[in-house]
Amino acid sequence: MPVPPRRSALLCALLALLTSCAWGGADGESGRLPAAPVGVTAAAGSATSVHVMWNAVSSGAGIHGYEVYRGTTKVEEVPGSQHMVDVTRLRPATPYVFSVRARDTEGRLGPPSLEVRATTPAATAADRSAPTRPGGLRGRTAGSRAVQLSWAASADDRDVVSYDIYQGDTKIHSVGGNQTATVVTGLRPGTHYSFTVRARDAADNLSPAGDSVRLTTPGSDDGRGTAPVDFRATNRREADGAYYLDLAWVAPETDGVVTEYQVRLDGRAATSLVFGGTPPRGRATYSFYLGREAGESHRVRIRARLPDGTWGGLSAERTVTTGSASDR
C-alpha cells in the first residue's frame, strides 16, 4: 500500500532528525562526545575515603572537567587538568562502585567509564598508632615522563590501608595497602626528583616518610612551558597611604591542578600563595603590601608548584615603582 504524501514527508523529517542527532550529531571531531575515561582505579585511603584515579581523555573540543560517580550519584567534579581525587565521607567496611565521565568545553558529557570497586576497611576505635615507615625504596626512570617505584611493606597494629607517594613535600600519587610498587606518570623530561613513601592506616594515621630515592628523567626541559603566562604587575595606593602590589596571571597548562605559587620580589622569595578549595580557573589575582615610600622600584616574578611536586619556570619579570602609573 503506498504511503500518503503527508505521512511520507513526516517520516523523512523524522529520519533526518535521528540521523543528525546520532552519537553527538556531527561527523567532525569537534562534534563527538568525549570518550569514556580509561585506566580508572579505586583504592581505599582510609575507613572513610577512597582514592580514584584515571587517564586523561583527549577531545577535539578540549576537556572542561571530569565527574566522579559513586554508583549513580555524582560525588565529585574536578577541572579537566586533574586526574585523581579523594572521595571522602564514606562509611567504614562498605563496598563502593565508582565511575568517571568527561565533559568537554562545549558542555557535552561523555559516556561513563568502566566501573571500579573498592571496599573501605572497618573503623578502628581509639587507634592512635601509626604504621612503621616504608623501607627499601627503589626506583628507576621509565622514559622521560614516568618512574617506577618499589618499597618494603610497612607494619601496623591493625592494617596498612594505603601508601602515599610524595615528591618533595607534595603528595602526587596513592595506591592500596596491598601494593608495594607503582608507576608515577605526568613527570617532566630532564628534571630532578626526590620521592618518598608514607603508609596510612584505616584511622588516617600516617607513618613517617621512608628514605628518599632521587631520580632524573632523561631529556631536556628549560621550564618555559611551565611558567605562568600573561603575567602583569601594578601598584596602587590605599587611602591610608600604603602601597600594594597587584598581580594577575594565567596558570600554566599542566597535567594536573596548580594550587600553589611563589612570588619572587627583587630576586628573592617574598611570599607563597596557596589556593584552598578549588583554584581559580583562567586568570588568577593576588595582592600584597609593599610599604609607604613612593618612588621605590621592585622587580617581581611568579612561578607555580606543578602537580609533580616541582617548581615550574619563572614568569616574565615585571618592574613596578610605587607612586608611578608606568609599571612594566
Protein backbone atom coordinates (compact mmCIF):
# COMPACT_ATOMS: atom_id res chain seq x y z
CA MET A 1 0.00 0.00 0.00
CA PRO A 2 1.50 3.41 -0.96
CA VAL A 3 2.31 5.82 1.87
CA PRO A 4 0.29 9.08 1.73
CA PRO A 5 2.45 12.08 0.73
CA ARG A 6 1.93 13.88 4.05
CA ARG A 7 2.94 10.82 6.10
CA SER A 8 5.91 10.20 3.78
CA ALA A 9 7.18 13.75 4.36
CA LEU A 10 6.79 13.31 8.10
CA LEU A 11 8.77 10.05 8.08
CA CYS A 12 11.57 11.68 6.07
CA ALA A 13 11.76 14.56 8.54
CA LEU A 14 11.97 12.15 11.48
CA LEU A 15 14.70 10.12 9.78
CA ALA A 16 16.70 13.26 9.05
CA LEU A 17 16.38 14.38 12.67
CA LEU A 18 17.51 10.99 14.02
CA THR A 19 20.47 10.90 11.64
CA SER A 20 21.62 14.39 12.61
CA CYS A 21 21.41 13.62 16.34
CA ALA A 22 23.10 10.22 16.39
CA TRP A 23 26.25 9.95 18.54
CA GLY A 24 26.76 13.64 19.19
CA GLY A 25 25.24 14.97 15.99
CA ALA A 26 28.34 15.54 13.83
CA ASP A 27 30.97 13.62 11.94
CA GLY A 28 33.82 16.02 12.77
CA GLU A 29 35.99 15.59 15.84
CA SER A 30 34.57 18.72 17.50
CA GLY A 31 31.05 17.27 17.23
CA ARG A 32 31.72 13.98 19.00
CA LEU A 33 31.12 13.29 22.65
CA PRO A 34 34.23 12.92 24.82
CA ALA A 35 35.40 9.33 25.12
CA ALA A 36 34.90 7.29 28.26
CA PRO A 37 37.91 7.64 30.60
CA VAL A 38 40.15 4.57 30.76
CA GLY A 39 42.67 3.37 33.31
CA VAL A 40 40.26 4.07 36.17
CA THR A 41 41.34 2.68 39.55
CA ALA A 42 39.93 2.97 43.05
CA ALA A 43 41.69 2.15 46.33
CA ALA A 44 40.61 2.76 49.89
CA GLY A 45 42.62 5.54 51.51
CA SER A 46 41.14 5.08 54.97
CA ALA A 47 37.96 3.77 56.60
CA THR A 48 36.09 6.79 55.22
CA SER A 49 37.81 7.63 51.93
CA VAL A 50 38.66 6.14 48.53
CA HIS A 51 41.30 7.43 46.11
CA VAL A 52 40.07 7.37 42.47
CA MET A 53 42.44 7.89 39.51
CA TRP A 54 42.05 7.80 35.71
CA ASN A 55 43.86 8.65 32.49
CA ALA A 56 43.34 11.95 30.71
CA VAL A 57 40.77 12.00 27.87
CA SER A 58 41.56 13.75 24.60
CA SER A 59 38.85 15.66 22.75
CA GLY A 60 38.76 17.91 19.73
CA ALA A 61 36.78 20.47 21.74
CA GLY A 62 39.01 20.14 24.84
CA ILE A 63 38.08 18.66 28.23
CA HIS A 64 36.49 21.09 30.68
CA GLY A 65 36.24 18.69 33.62
CA TYR A 66 35.54 15.23 34.98
CA GLU A 67 32.61 13.97 37.03
CA VAL A 68 33.14 11.12 39.50
CA TYR A 69 30.17 8.94 40.39
CA ARG A 70 29.53 6.65 43.33
CA GLY A 71 27.03 4.27 41.82
CA THR A 72 24.64 6.63 40.01
CA THR A 73 25.32 9.61 42.30
CA LYS A 74 27.77 12.31 41.25
CA VAL A 75 30.06 12.89 44.24
CA GLU A 76 32.96 14.92 42.82
CA GLU A 77 33.62 17.31 39.94
CA VAL A 78 37.18 18.38 39.11
CA PRO A 79 38.87 20.51 36.40
CA GLY A 80 39.99 18.86 33.18
CA SER A 81 43.63 19.09 34.24
CA GLN A 82 43.00 16.90 37.31
CA HIS A 83 43.02 13.11 37.00
CA MET A 84 42.63 11.91 40.58
CA VAL A 85 40.51 12.73 43.61
CA ASP A 86 39.89 11.53 47.16
CA VAL A 87 36.22 10.69 47.69
CA THR A 88 35.57 11.28 51.39
CA ARG A 89 32.75 10.99 53.95
CA LEU A 90 32.23 7.32 53.18
CA ARG A 91 31.13 4.57 55.55
CA PRO A 92 33.63 2.10 57.02
CA ALA A 93 33.50 -1.54 55.94
CA THR A 94 31.35 -0.72 52.91
CA PRO A 95 31.77 -1.73 49.25
CA TYR A 96 31.50 1.08 46.71
CA VAL A 97 31.36 1.32 42.92
CA PHE A 98 32.87 4.29 41.08
CA SER A 99 32.93 5.54 37.51
CA VAL A 100 34.16 8.69 35.76
CA ARG A 101 32.74 10.78 32.91
CA ALA A 102 34.42 13.57 30.92
CA ARG A 103 32.71 16.84 29.97
CA ASP A 104 34.13 18.90 27.09
CA THR A 105 34.41 22.68 26.82
CA GLU A 106 31.13 22.80 24.88
CA GLY A 107 29.26 21.22 27.79
CA ARG A 108 28.80 17.72 26.34
CA LEU A 109 29.06 14.84 28.78
CA GLY A 110 30.69 11.65 27.55
CA PRO A 111 29.77 8.08 28.46
CA PRO A 112 30.81 6.61 31.81
CA SER A 113 33.99 4.64 32.24
CA LEU A 114 34.01 1.02 33.25
CA GLU A 115 33.00 0.65 36.88
CA VAL A 116 35.68 0.01 39.50
CA ARG A 117 35.13 -1.28 43.02
CA ALA A 118 36.69 -0.55 46.37
CA THR A 119 35.75 -1.53 49.91
CA THR A 120 36.56 0.70 52.86
CA PRO A 121 38.08 -1.13 55.84
CA ALA A 122 36.38 -1.35 59.19
CA ALA A 123 36.81 1.60 61.54
CA THR A 124 39.12 1.05 64.49
CA ALA A 125 38.32 2.54 67.86
CA ALA A 126 40.96 4.66 69.56
CA ASP A 127 43.70 3.76 67.07
CA ARG A 128 46.47 6.31 67.56
CA SER A 129 49.35 4.11 66.42
CA ALA A 130 50.77 5.00 63.01
CA PRO A 131 52.26 2.38 60.68
CA THR A 132 56.02 1.96 60.53
CA ARG A 133 57.85 3.82 57.81
CA PRO A 134 58.14 2.04 54.44
CA GLY A 135 61.68 0.84 53.82
CA GLY A 136 63.93 -0.01 50.92
CA LEU A 137 62.53 2.48 48.43
CA ARG A 138 63.97 1.89 44.96
CA GLY A 139 63.21 3.50 41.64
CA ARG A 140 64.13 3.82 38.00
CA THR A 141 63.02 6.04 35.17
CA ALA A 142 60.59 4.67 32.60
CA GLY A 143 61.04 7.10 29.75
CA SER A 144 61.17 10.86 30.12
CA ARG A 145 57.80 11.29 31.88
CA ALA A 146 57.44 8.35 34.29
CA VAL A 147 59.26 6.44 37.01
CA GLN A 148 58.79 3.01 38.58
CA LEU A 149 58.99 2.83 42.40
CA SER A 150 59.01 -0.11 44.80
CA TRP A 151 59.37 -0.38 48.59
CA ALA A 152 59.13 -2.77 51.52
CA ALA A 153 55.76 -3.09 53.24
CA SER A 154 55.06 -1.18 56.46
CA ALA A 155 53.77 -2.84 59.62
CA ASP A 156 50.73 -1.69 61.61
CA ASP A 157 48.95 -2.92 64.73
CA ARG A 158 45.92 -3.40 62.51
CA ASP A 159 46.36 -2.97 58.73
CA VAL A 160 48.00 -0.62 56.25
CA VAL A 161 45.23 0.71 54.01
CA SER A 162 47.20 2.80 51.52
CA TYR A 163 50.59 4.22 50.59
CA ASP A 164 51.01 7.89 49.64
CA ILE A 165 53.83 8.86 47.27
CA TYR A 166 55.42 12.27 47.71
CA GLN A 167 57.72 14.32 45.50
CA GLY A 168 59.38 16.74 47.89
CA ASP A 169 56.59 17.61 50.31
CA THR A 170 53.79 17.27 47.75
CA LYS A 171 51.56 14.18 47.60
CA ILE A 172 51.33 13.18 43.94
CA HIS A 173 50.06 9.58 43.98
CA SER A 174 48.37 6.95 46.14
CA VAL A 175 47.98 3.16 45.96
CA GLY A 176 46.27 0.50 48.02
CA GLY A 177 47.84 -1.02 51.11
CA ASN A 178 48.39 -4.34 49.35
CA GLN A 179 50.71 -2.70 46.79
CA THR A 180 54.41 -2.10 47.29
CA ALA A 181 55.18 -0.84 43.78
CA THR A 182 53.73 1.71 41.38
CA VAL A 183 54.38 3.77 38.26
CA VAL A 184 54.23 7.56 38.64
CA THR A 185 53.40 9.39 35.40
CA GLY A 186 52.93 13.02 34.36
CA LEU A 187 56.55 13.98 35.06
CA ARG A 188 58.81 16.38 33.16
CA PRO A 189 61.79 15.47 30.98
CA GLY A 190 65.24 16.46 32.24
CA THR A 191 64.04 17.09 35.80
CA HIS A 192 65.47 16.07 39.19
CA TYR A 193 63.02 14.32 41.52
CA SER A 194 63.14 13.15 45.12
CA PHE A 195 60.46 10.58 46.05
CA THR A 196 59.36 9.29 49.45
CA VAL A 197 56.55 6.98 50.56
CA ARG A 198 54.32 7.11 53.66
CA ALA A 199 51.89 4.46 54.91
CA ARG A 200 48.34 5.18 56.13
CA ASP A 201 46.01 3.05 58.25
CA ALA A 202 42.21 2.97 58.48
CA ALA A 203 42.16 5.64 61.20
CA ASP A 204 44.14 8.02 58.93
CA ASN A 205 47.30 7.68 60.99
CA LEU A 206 50.22 8.50 58.70
CA SER A 207 53.66 6.94 59.06
CA PRO A 208 56.92 8.89 58.91
CA ALA A 209 58.40 9.08 55.43
CA GLY A 210 60.84 6.37 54.47
CA ASP A 211 64.21 7.02 52.87
CA SER A 212 64.08 9.04 49.66
CA VAL A 213 65.15 7.99 46.21
CA ARG A 214 66.49 10.57 43.76
CA LEU A 215 65.90 10.18 40.04
CA THR A 216 66.45 12.36 36.97
CA THR A 217 64.22 11.88 33.95
CA PRO A 218 66.04 11.85 30.59
CA GLY A 219 65.60 14.62 28.08
CA SER A 220 65.56 18.38 28.48
CA ASP A 221 63.10 20.94 29.80
CA ASP A 222 64.02 24.63 30.12
CA GLY A 223 60.87 25.38 32.12
CA ARG A 224 59.41 27.91 29.72
CA GLY A 225 56.38 25.73 29.05
CA THR A 226 55.56 25.54 32.77
CA ALA A 227 55.70 29.25 33.59
CA PRO A 228 52.57 31.32 34.32
CA VAL A 229 51.64 33.41 31.27
CA ASP A 230 50.23 36.89 30.68
CA PHE A 231 51.79 38.00 33.98
CA ARG A 232 51.01 41.59 34.98
CA ALA A 233 52.01 43.70 37.99
CA THR A 234 50.71 47.11 39.04
CA ASN A 235 50.81 49.13 42.25
CA ARG A 236 48.08 51.11 43.97
CA ARG A 237 47.87 53.42 46.96
CA GLU A 238 45.20 52.98 49.61
CA ALA A 239 43.50 55.83 51.46
CA ASP A 240 45.84 55.32 54.45
CA GLY A 241 48.89 55.98 52.24
CA ALA A 242 50.09 52.37 51.96
CA TYR A 243 51.15 50.91 48.61
CA TYR A 244 50.06 47.47 47.45
CA LEU A 245 51.30 45.26 44.62
CA ASP A 246 48.51 43.79 42.46
CA LEU A 247 49.42 40.69 40.44
CA ALA A 248 47.45 38.88 37.73
CA TRP A 249 48.37 35.84 35.64
CA VAL A 250 47.09 32.77 33.80
CA ALA A 251 48.09 29.37 35.20
CA PRO A 252 50.43 27.22 33.09
CA GLU A 253 48.97 24.27 31.23
CA THR A 254 49.93 21.19 33.22
CA ASP A 255 48.88 17.56 33.63
CA GLY A 256 47.07 18.34 36.87
CA VAL A 257 45.90 21.20 39.09
CA VAL A 258 48.15 24.06 40.26
CA THR A 259 47.29 25.15 43.81
CA GLU A 260 50.49 26.88 44.97
CA TYR A 261 52.54 29.80 43.67
CA GLN A 262 55.70 31.55 44.84
CA VAL A 263 56.14 35.30 44.38
CA ARG A 264 59.75 36.43 43.97
CA LEU A 265 60.47 40.10 44.72
CA ASP A 266 63.84 41.59 43.75
CA GLY A 267 65.29 38.14 43.14
CA ARG A 268 64.20 36.57 46.45
CA ALA A 269 61.18 34.56 47.56
CA ALA A 270 58.76 37.08 49.08
CA THR A 271 55.61 35.06 49.77
CA SER A 272 53.83 31.82 48.93
CA LEU A 273 50.23 31.68 47.80
CA VAL A 274 48.20 28.50 48.35
CA PHE A 275 44.67 28.30 46.99
CA GLY A 276 42.33 26.37 49.25
CA GLY A 277 39.31 24.55 47.87
CA THR A 278 39.01 24.96 44.11
CA PRO A 279 41.80 27.01 42.49
CA PRO A 280 40.62 29.77 40.16
CA ARG A 281 40.14 28.78 36.55
CA GLY A 282 41.65 31.04 33.94
CA ARG A 283 43.01 34.30 35.29
CA ALA A 284 44.16 34.48 38.93
CA THR A 285 44.93 37.58 41.03
CA TYR A 286 46.76 38.34 44.26
CA SER A 287 47.77 41.49 46.19
CA PHE A 288 50.23 42.17 48.99
CA TYR A 289 51.64 45.08 50.98
CA LEU A 290 54.71 46.93 49.65
CA GLY A 291 55.22 49.81 52.07
CA ARG A 292 54.58 53.56 52.36
CA GLU A 293 57.51 55.06 50.47
CA ALA A 294 56.90 56.49 47.00
CA GLY A 295 59.48 56.08 44.25
CA GLU A 296 60.68 52.60 45.26
CA SER A 297 61.20 50.20 42.34
CA HIS A 298 60.74 46.47 42.61
CA ARG A 299 61.24 43.54 40.24
CA VAL A 300 58.64 40.78 40.52
CA ARG A 301 58.15 37.31 39.03
CA ILE A 302 55.98 34.33 39.88
CA ARG A 303 56.22 30.57 39.49
CA ALA A 304 53.91 27.60 40.10
CA ARG A 305 54.39 24.41 42.06
CA LEU A 306 53.43 21.79 39.49
CA PRO A 307 51.34 18.68 40.14
CA ASP A 308 54.52 16.57 40.01
CA GLY A 309 55.79 18.45 43.09
CA THR A 310 58.49 20.51 41.36
CA TRP A 311 58.63 24.27 40.77
CA GLY A 312 57.87 25.33 37.21
CA GLY A 313 59.58 28.04 35.23
CA LEU A 314 59.55 31.68 36.28
CA SER A 315 57.19 34.10 34.57
CA ALA A 316 58.37 37.15 32.68
CA GLU A 317 59.80 39.77 35.05
CA ARG A 318 57.84 42.97 35.70
CA THR A 319 59.04 46.17 37.32
CA VAL A 320 56.83 48.37 39.49
CA THR A 321 57.60 51.74 41.08
CA THR A 322 55.44 52.87 43.98
CA GLY A 323 53.56 56.03 43.14
CA SER A 324 54.11 55.55 39.39
CA ALA A 325 51.49 54.69 36.83
CA SER A 326 54.07 53.40 34.31
CA ASP A 327 54.57 49.90 35.67
CA ARG A 328 56.02 47.43 33.16
